[in-house]
Amino acid sequence: MEDDGTLYQDVAVAHIMEAFGNDLAGINANGNSSINPSVLKVFNELTPAAVWSRSGRYWRWRKDFDLPGRLQP
């Protein structure tokens, strides 16, 4: 996560592609950045206190006002 506690999916995809190539991340058929489910599984295991902001397409640390679960509006 960045210093401000966020990690945008586009930034993560760019880093993954630069380090590991296109097998673990890329652009999907809809034109959105995407991360291989196996990578997301490991990320989720390593960051249990992170939530996914669907509207912003980024991960951030959980806050007191968040809904239960990882997925947030």
PDB file of N, CA and C in Angstrom:
ATOM      1  N   MET A   1       0.844  -1.178   0.000  1.00  0.00           N
ATOM      2  CA  MET A   1       0.000   0.000   0.000  1.00  0.00           C
ATOM      3  C   MET A   1       0.891   1.244   0.000  1.00  0.00           C
ATOM      4  N   GLU A   2       0.349   2.313  -0.552  1.00  0.00           N
ATOM      5  CA  GLU A   2       1.074   3.584  -0.585  1.00  0.00           C
ATOM      6  C   GLU A   2       1.125   4.183   0.817  1.00  0.00           C
ATOM      7  N   ASP A   3       1.865   5.261   0.964  1.00  0.00           N
ATOM      8  CA  ASP A   3       1.981   5.925   2.262  1.00  0.00           C
ATOM      9  C   ASP A   3       0.631   6.389   2.796  1.00  0.00           C
ATOM     10  N   ASP A   4      -0.298   6.713   1.890  1.00  0.00           N
ATOM     11  CA  ASP A   4      -1.615   7.171   2.339  1.00  0.00           C
ATOM     12  C   ASP A   4      -2.573   6.017   2.618  1.00  0.00           C
ATOM     13  N   GLY A   5      -2.098   4.782   2.528  1.00  0.00           N
ATOM     14  CA  GLY A   5      -2.918   3.616   2.845  1.00  0.00           C
ATOM     15  C   GLY A   5      -3.776   3.115   1.708  1.00  0.00           C
ATOM     16  N   THR A   6      -3.465   3.503   0.475  1.00  0.00           N
ATOM     17  CA  THR A   6      -4.238   3.045  -0.674  1.00  0.00           C
ATOM     18  C   THR A   6      -3.340   2.333  -1.680  1.00  0.00           C
ATOM     19  N   LEU A   7      -3.981   1.504  -2.493  1.00  0.00           N
ATOM     20  CA  LEU A   7      -3.296   0.860  -3.613  1.00  0.00           C
ATOM     21  C   LEU A   7      -4.299   0.752  -4.754  1.00  0.00           C
ATOM     22  N   TYR A   8      -4.114   1.575  -5.781  1.00  0.00           N
ATOM     23  CA  TYR A   8      -5.005   1.556  -6.935  1.00  0.00           C
ATOM     24  C   TYR A   8      -4.693   0.352  -7.813  1.00  0.00           C
ATOM     25  N   GLN A   9      -5.753  -0.255  -8.344  1.00  0.00           N
ATOM     26  CA  GLN A   9      -5.581  -1.457  -9.147  1.00  0.00           C
ATOM     27  C   GLN A   9      -4.687  -1.194 -10.356  1.00  0.00           C
ATOM     28  N   ASP A  10      -4.851  -0.058 -11.021  1.00  0.00           N
ATOM     29  CA  ASP A  10      -4.018   0.249 -12.191  1.00  0.00           C
ATOM     30  C   ASP A  10      -2.537   0.278 -11.833  1.00  0.00           C
ATOM     31  N   VAL A  11      -2.220   0.829 -10.672  1.00  0.00           N
ATOM     32  CA  VAL A  11      -0.825   0.894 -10.219  1.00  0.00           C
ATOM     33  C   VAL A  11      -0.307  -0.508  -9.923  1.00  0.00           C
ATOM     34  N   ALA A  12      -1.127  -1.309  -9.233  1.00  0.00           N
ATOM     35  CA  ALA A  12      -0.726  -2.680  -8.912  1.00  0.00           C
ATOM     36  C   ALA A  12      -0.493  -3.486 -10.185  1.00  0.00           C
ATOM     37  N   VAL A  13      -1.395  -3.354 -11.150  1.00  0.00           N
ATOM     38  CA  VAL A  13      -1.262  -4.087 -12.412  1.00  0.00           C
ATOM     39  C   VAL A  13       0.027  -3.688 -13.127  1.00  0.00           C
ATOM     40  N   ALA A  14       0.320  -2.408 -13.174  1.00  0.00           N
ATOM     41  CA  ALA A  14       1.546  -1.951 -13.838  1.00  0.00           C
ATOM     42  C   ALA A  14       2.783  -2.547 -13.173  1.00  0.00           C
ATOM     43  N   HIS A  15       2.809  -2.569 -11.845  1.00  0.00           N
ATOM     44  CA  HIS A  15       3.955  -3.141 -11.130  1.00  0.00           C
ATOM     45  C   HIS A  15       4.068  -4.648 -11.369  1.00  0.00           C
ATOM     46  N   ILE A  16       2.939  -5.341 -11.333  1.00  0.00           N
ATOM     47  CA  ILE A  16       2.948  -6.791 -11.546  1.00  0.00           C
ATOM     48  C   ILE A  16       3.430  -7.111 -12.964  1.00  0.00           C
ATOM     49  N   MET A  17       2.912  -6.388 -13.948  1.00  0.00           N
ATOM     50  CA  MET A  17       3.303  -6.636 -15.336  1.00  0.00           C
ATOM     51  C   MET A  17       4.782  -6.337 -15.560  1.00  0.00           C
ATOM     52  N   GLU A  18       5.278  -5.279 -14.946  1.00  0.00           N
ATOM     53  CA  GLU A  18       6.693  -4.929 -15.090  1.00  0.00           C
ATOM     54  C   GLU A  18       7.593  -5.993 -14.474  1.00  0.00           C
ATOM     55  N   ALA A  19       7.179  -6.512 -13.327  1.00  0.00           N
ATOM     56  CA  ALA A  19       8.015  -7.479 -12.612  1.00  0.00           C
ATOM     57  C   ALA A  19       7.861  -8.905 -13.135  1.00  0.00           C
ATOM     58  N   PHE A  20       6.647  -9.279 -13.572  1.00  0.00           N
ATOM     59  CA  PHE A  20       6.372 -10.686 -13.872  1.00  0.00           C
ATOM     60  C   PHE A  20       5.792 -10.940 -15.260  1.00  0.00           C
ATOM     61  N   GLY A  21       5.534  -9.903 -16.026  1.00  0.00           N
ATOM     62  CA  GLY A  21       4.966 -10.093 -17.350  1.00  0.00           C
ATOM     63  C   GLY A  21       3.450 -10.109 -17.338  1.00  0.00           C
ATOM     64  N   ASN A  22       2.875 -10.545 -18.455  1.00  0.00           N
ATOM     65  CA  ASN A  22       1.429 -10.471 -18.652  1.00  0.00           C
ATOM     66  C   ASN A  22       0.652 -11.671 -18.133  1.00  0.00           C
ATOM     67  N   ASP A  23       1.316 -12.671 -17.600  1.00  0.00           N
ATOM     68  CA  ASP A  23       0.602 -13.861 -17.140  1.00  0.00           C
ATOM     69  C   ASP A  23      -0.168 -13.625 -15.847  1.00  0.00           C
ATOM     70  N   LEU A  24       0.279 -12.688 -15.026  1.00  0.00           N
ATOM     71  CA  LEU A  24      -0.334 -12.482 -13.713  1.00  0.00           C
ATOM     72  C   LEU A  24      -1.209 -11.245 -13.637  1.00  0.00           C
ATOM     73  N   ALA A  25      -1.149 -10.389 -14.646  1.00  0.00           N
ATOM     74  CA  ALA A  25      -1.965  -9.174 -14.677  1.00  0.00           C
ATOM     75  C   ALA A  25      -2.021  -8.663 -16.104  1.00  0.00           C
ATOM     76  N   GLY A  26      -3.030  -7.851 -16.387  1.00  0.00           N
ATOM     77  CA  GLY A  26      -3.149  -7.300 -17.725  1.00  0.00           C
ATOM     78  C   GLY A  26      -4.419  -6.497 -17.880  1.00  0.00           C
ATOM     79  N   ILE A  27      -4.874  -6.380 -19.110  1.00  0.00           N
ATOM     80  CA  ILE A  27      -6.093  -5.655 -19.442  1.00  0.00           C
ATOM     81  C   ILE A  27      -7.113  -6.683 -19.929  1.00  0.00           C
ATOM     82  N   ASN A  28      -8.315  -6.652 -19.338  1.00  0.00           N
ATOM     83  CA  ASN A  28      -9.330  -7.642 -19.708  1.00  0.00           C
ATOM     84  C   ASN A  28     -10.103  -7.208 -20.954  1.00  0.00           C
ATOM     85  N   ALA A  29     -11.061  -8.021 -21.379  1.00  0.00           N
ATOM     86  CA  ALA A  29     -11.824  -7.767 -22.598  1.00  0.00           C
ATOM     87  C   ALA A  29     -12.631  -6.475 -22.519  1.00  0.00           C
ATOM     88  N   ASN A  30     -12.959  -6.027 -21.310  1.00  0.00           N
ATOM     89  CA  ASN A  30     -13.705  -4.781 -21.124  1.00  0.00           C
ATOM     90  C   ASN A  30     -12.799  -3.555 -21.106  1.00  0.00           C
ATOM     91  N   GLY A  31     -11.491  -3.770 -21.222  1.00  0.00           N
ATOM     92  CA  GLY A  31     -10.549  -2.665 -21.206  1.00  0.00           C
ATOM     93  C   GLY A  31     -10.114  -2.234 -19.821  1.00  0.00           C
ATOM     94  N   ASN A  32     -10.488  -3.016 -18.811  1.00  0.00           N
ATOM     95  CA  ASN A  32     -10.105  -2.705 -17.434  1.00  0.00           C
ATOM     96  C   ASN A  32      -8.858  -3.485 -17.038  1.00  0.00           C
ATOM     97  N   SER A  33      -8.080  -2.905 -16.137  1.00  0.00           N
ATOM     98  CA  SER A  33      -6.930  -3.632 -15.611  1.00  0.00           C
ATOM     99  C   SER A  33      -7.438  -4.800 -14.778  1.00  0.00           C
ATOM    100  N   SER A  34      -6.709  -5.902 -14.826  1.00  0.00           N
ATOM    101  CA  SER A  34      -7.137  -7.087 -14.083  1.00  0.00           C
ATOM    102  C   SER A  34      -5.923  -7.811 -13.513  1.00  0.00           C
ATOM    103  N   ILE A  35      -6.170  -8.481 -12.398  1.00  0.00           N
ATOM    104  CA  ILE A  35      -5.124  -9.224 -11.705  1.00  0.00           C
ATOM    105  C   ILE A  35      -5.556 -10.674 -11.623  1.00  0.00           C
ATOM    106  N   ASN A  36      -4.635 -11.581 -11.901  1.00  0.00           N
ATOM    107  CA  ASN A  36      -4.902 -13.010 -11.850  1.00  0.00           C
ATOM    108  C   ASN A  36      -5.462 -13.383 -10.476  1.00  0.00           C
ATOM    109  N   PRO A  37      -6.517 -14.205 -10.424  1.00  0.00           N
ATOM    110  CA  PRO A  37      -7.107 -14.599  -9.143  1.00  0.00           C
ATOM    111  C   PRO A  37      -6.117 -15.215  -8.155  1.00  0.00           C
ATOM    112  N   SER A  38      -5.100 -15.915  -8.647  1.00  0.00           N
ATOM    113  CA  SER A  38      -4.120 -16.502  -7.726  1.00  0.00           C
ATOM    114  C   SER A  38      -3.315 -15.416  -7.014  1.00  0.00           C
ATOM    115  N   VAL A  39      -3.041 -14.320  -7.705  1.00  0.00           N
ATOM    116  CA  VAL A  39      -2.333 -13.195  -7.088  1.00  0.00           C
ATOM    117  C   VAL A  39      -3.238 -12.516  -6.066  1.00  0.00           C
ATOM    118  N   LEU A  40      -4.506 -12.323  -6.424  1.00  0.00           N
ATOM    119  CA  LEU A  40      -5.452 -11.704  -5.488  1.00  0.00           C
ATOM    120  C   LEU A  40      -5.624 -12.545  -4.229  1.00  0.00           C
ATOM    121  N   LYS A  41      -5.621 -13.854  -4.381  1.00  0.00           N
ATOM    122  CA  LYS A  41      -5.759 -14.737  -3.221  1.00  0.00           C
ATOM    123  C   LYS A  41      -4.611 -14.516  -2.243  1.00  0.00           C
ATOM    124  N   VAL A  42      -3.396 -14.459  -2.746  1.00  0.00           N
ATOM    125  CA  VAL A  42      -2.232 -14.233  -1.884  1.00  0.00           C
ATOM    126  C   VAL A  42      -2.300 -12.837  -1.263  1.00  0.00           C
ATOM    127  N   PHE A  43      -2.655 -11.829  -2.059  1.00  0.00           N
ATOM    128  CA  PHE A  43      -2.781 -10.464  -1.540  1.00  0.00           C
ATOM    129  C   PHE A  43      -3.794 -10.426  -0.395  1.00  0.00           C
ATOM    130  N   ASN A  44      -4.938 -11.070  -0.588  1.00  0.00           N
ATOM    131  CA  ASN A  44      -5.971 -11.091   0.453  1.00  0.00           C
ATOM    132  C   ASN A  44      -5.482 -11.782   1.719  1.00  0.00           C
ATOM    133  N   GLU A  45      -4.709 -12.838   1.574  1.00  0.00           N
ATOM    134  CA  GLU A  45      -4.164 -13.533   2.743  1.00  0.00           C
ATOM    135  C   GLU A  45      -3.160 -12.661   3.493  1.00  0.00           C
ATOM    136  N   LEU A  46      -2.399 -11.860   2.757  1.00  0.00           N
ATOM    137  CA  LEU A  46      -1.369 -11.014   3.365  1.00  0.00           C
ATOM    138  C   LEU A  46      -1.920  -9.708   3.938  1.00  0.00           C
ATOM    139  N   THR A  47      -3.130  -9.315   3.517  1.00  0.00           N
ATOM    140  CA  THR A  47      -3.695  -8.027   3.934  1.00  0.00           C
ATOM    141  C   THR A  47      -5.121  -8.185   4.458  1.00  0.00           C
ATOM    142  N   PRO A  48      -5.325  -8.917   5.552  1.00  0.00           N
ATOM    143  CA  PRO A  48      -6.686  -9.134   6.043  1.00  0.00           C
ATOM    144  C   PRO A  48      -7.395  -7.850   6.481  1.00  0.00           C
ATOM    145  N   ALA A  49      -6.661  -6.791   6.769  1.00  0.00           N
ATOM    146  CA  ALA A  49      -7.271  -5.531   7.207  1.00  0.00           C
ATOM    147  C   ALA A  49      -7.536  -4.574   6.045  1.00  0.00           C
ATOM    148  N   ALA A  50      -7.339  -5.032   4.821  1.00  0.00           N
ATOM    149  CA  ALA A  50      -7.589  -4.178   3.655  1.00  0.00           C
ATOM    150  C   ALA A  50      -8.994  -4.431   3.127  1.00  0.00           C
ATOM    151  N   VAL A  51      -9.591  -3.388   2.539  1.00  0.00           N
ATOM    152  CA  VAL A  51     -10.890  -3.504   1.879  1.00  0.00           C
ATOM    153  C   VAL A  51     -10.744  -3.037   0.435  1.00  0.00           C
ATOM    154  N   TRP A  52     -11.664  -3.487  -0.413  1.00  0.00           N
ATOM    155  CA  TRP A  52     -11.677  -3.106  -1.824  1.00  0.00           C
ATOM    156  C   TRP A  52     -12.776  -2.074  -2.029  1.00  0.00           C
ATOM    157  N   SER A  53     -12.401  -0.895  -2.519  1.00  0.00           N
ATOM    158  CA  SER A  53     -13.361   0.150  -2.861  1.00  0.00           C
ATOM    159  C   SER A  53     -13.762  -0.055  -4.318  1.00  0.00           C
ATOM    160  N   ARG A  54     -14.950  -0.575  -4.511  1.00  0.00           N
ATOM    161  CA  ARG A  54     -15.403  -0.895  -5.868  1.00  0.00           C
ATOM    162  C   ARG A  54     -15.486   0.363  -6.732  1.00  0.00           C
ATOM    163  N   SER A  55     -16.065   1.432  -6.191  1.00  0.00           N
ATOM    164  CA  SER A  55     -16.258   2.644  -6.989  1.00  0.00           C
ATOM    165  C   SER A  55     -14.934   3.301  -7.375  1.00  0.00           C
ATOM    166  N   GLY A  56     -13.932   3.215  -6.510  1.00  0.00           N
ATOM    167  CA  GLY A  56     -12.645   3.832  -6.797  1.00  0.00           C
ATOM    168  C   GLY A  56     -11.628   2.900  -7.412  1.00  0.00           C
ATOM    169  N   ARG A  57     -11.929   1.609  -7.420  1.00  0.00           N
ATOM    170  CA  ARG A  57     -11.033   0.574  -7.946  1.00  0.00           C
ATOM    171  C   ARG A  57      -9.676   0.594  -7.240  1.00  0.00           C
ATOM    172  N   TYR A  58      -9.730   0.591  -5.897  1.00  0.00           N
ATOM    173  CA  TYR A  58      -8.503   0.561  -5.110  1.00  0.00           C
ATOM    174  C   TYR A  58      -8.725  -0.175  -3.793  1.00  0.00           C
ATOM    175  N   TRP A  59      -7.624  -0.624  -3.217  1.00  0.00           N
ATOM    176  CA  TRP A  59      -7.633  -1.213  -1.889  1.00  0.00           C
ATOM    177  C   TRP A  59      -7.211  -0.133  -0.907  1.00  0.00           C
ATOM    178  N   ARG A  60      -7.708  -0.229   0.317  1.00  0.00           N
ATOM    179  CA  ARG A  60      -7.301   0.683   1.386  1.00  0.00           C
ATOM    180  C   ARG A  60      -7.474  -0.040   2.706  1.00  0.00           C
ATOM    181  N   TRP A  61      -6.850   0.519   3.736  1.00  0.00           N
ATOM    182  CA  TRP A  61      -6.995  -0.080   5.060  1.00  0.00           C
ATOM    183  C   TRP A  61      -8.410   0.145   5.573  1.00  0.00           C
ATOM    184  N   ARG A  62      -8.940  -0.835   6.279  1.00  0.00           N
ATOM    185  CA  ARG A  62     -10.289  -0.775   6.846  1.00  0.00           C
ATOM    186  C   ARG A  62     -10.413   0.399   7.806  1.00  0.00           C
ATOM    187  N   LYS A  63     -11.613   1.033   7.796  1.00  0.00           N
ATOM    188  CA  LYS A  63     -11.926   2.140   8.698  1.00  0.00           C
ATOM    189  C   LYS A  63     -13.147   1.766   9.524  1.00  0.00           C
ATOM    190  N   ASP A  64     -13.357   2.483  10.616  1.00  0.00           N
ATOM    191  CA  ASP A  64     -14.451   2.173  11.537  1.00  0.00           C
ATOM    192  C   ASP A  64     -15.820   2.177  10.866  1.00  0.00           C
ATOM    193  N   PHE A  65     -16.018   3.010   9.859  1.00  0.00           N
ATOM    194  CA  PHE A  65     -17.328   3.143   9.221  1.00  0.00           C
ATOM    195  C   PHE A  65     -17.586   2.104   8.130  1.00  0.00           C
ATOM    196  N   ASP A  66     -16.626   1.252   7.816  1.00  0.00           N
ATOM    197  CA  ASP A  66     -16.788   0.277   6.735  1.00  0.00           C
ATOM    198  C   ASP A  66     -17.851  -0.763   7.054  1.00  0.00           C
ATOM    199  N   LEU A  67     -18.467  -1.258   5.995  1.00  0.00           N
ATOM    200  CA  LEU A  67     -19.406  -2.366   6.107  1.00  0.00           C
ATOM    201  C   LEU A  67     -18.622  -3.643   6.389  1.00  0.00           C
ATOM    202  N   PRO A  68     -19.287  -4.670   6.917  1.00  0.00           N
ATOM    203  CA  PRO A  68     -18.592  -5.950   7.090  1.00  0.00           C
ATOM    204  C   PRO A  68     -18.135  -6.490   5.728  1.00  0.00           C
ATOM    205  N   GLY A  69     -17.079  -7.247   5.743  1.00  0.00           N
ATOM    206  CA  GLY A  69     -16.566  -7.843   4.516  1.00  0.00           C
ATOM    207  C   GLY A  69     -15.539  -6.966   3.841  1.00  0.00           C
ATOM    208  N   ARG A  70     -14.915  -7.507   2.828  1.00  0.00           N
ATOM    209  CA  ARG A  70     -13.842  -6.805   2.123  1.00  0.00           C
ATOM    210  C   ARG A  70     -14.371  -5.816   1.101  1.00  0.00           C
ATOM    211  N   LEU A  71     -15.470  -6.129   0.439  1.00  0.00           N
ATOM    212  CA  LEU A  71     -16.010  -5.293  -0.629  1.00  0.00           C
ATOM    213  C   LEU A  71     -16.769  -4.102  -0.054  1.00  0.00           C
ATOM    214  N   GLN A  72     -16.387  -2.905  -0.491  1.00  0.00           N
ATOM    215  CA  GLN A  72     -17.032  -1.667  -0.052  1.00  0.00           C
ATOM    216  C   GLN A  72     -17.567  -0.934  -1.276  1.00  0.00           C
ATOM    217  N   PRO A  73     -18.610  -0.119  -1.085  1.00  0.00           N
ATOM    218  CA  PRO A  73     -19.179   0.613  -2.245  1.00  0.00           C
ATOM    219  C   PRO A  73     -18.208   1.616  -2.837  1.00  0.00           C
TER     220      PRO A  73
END
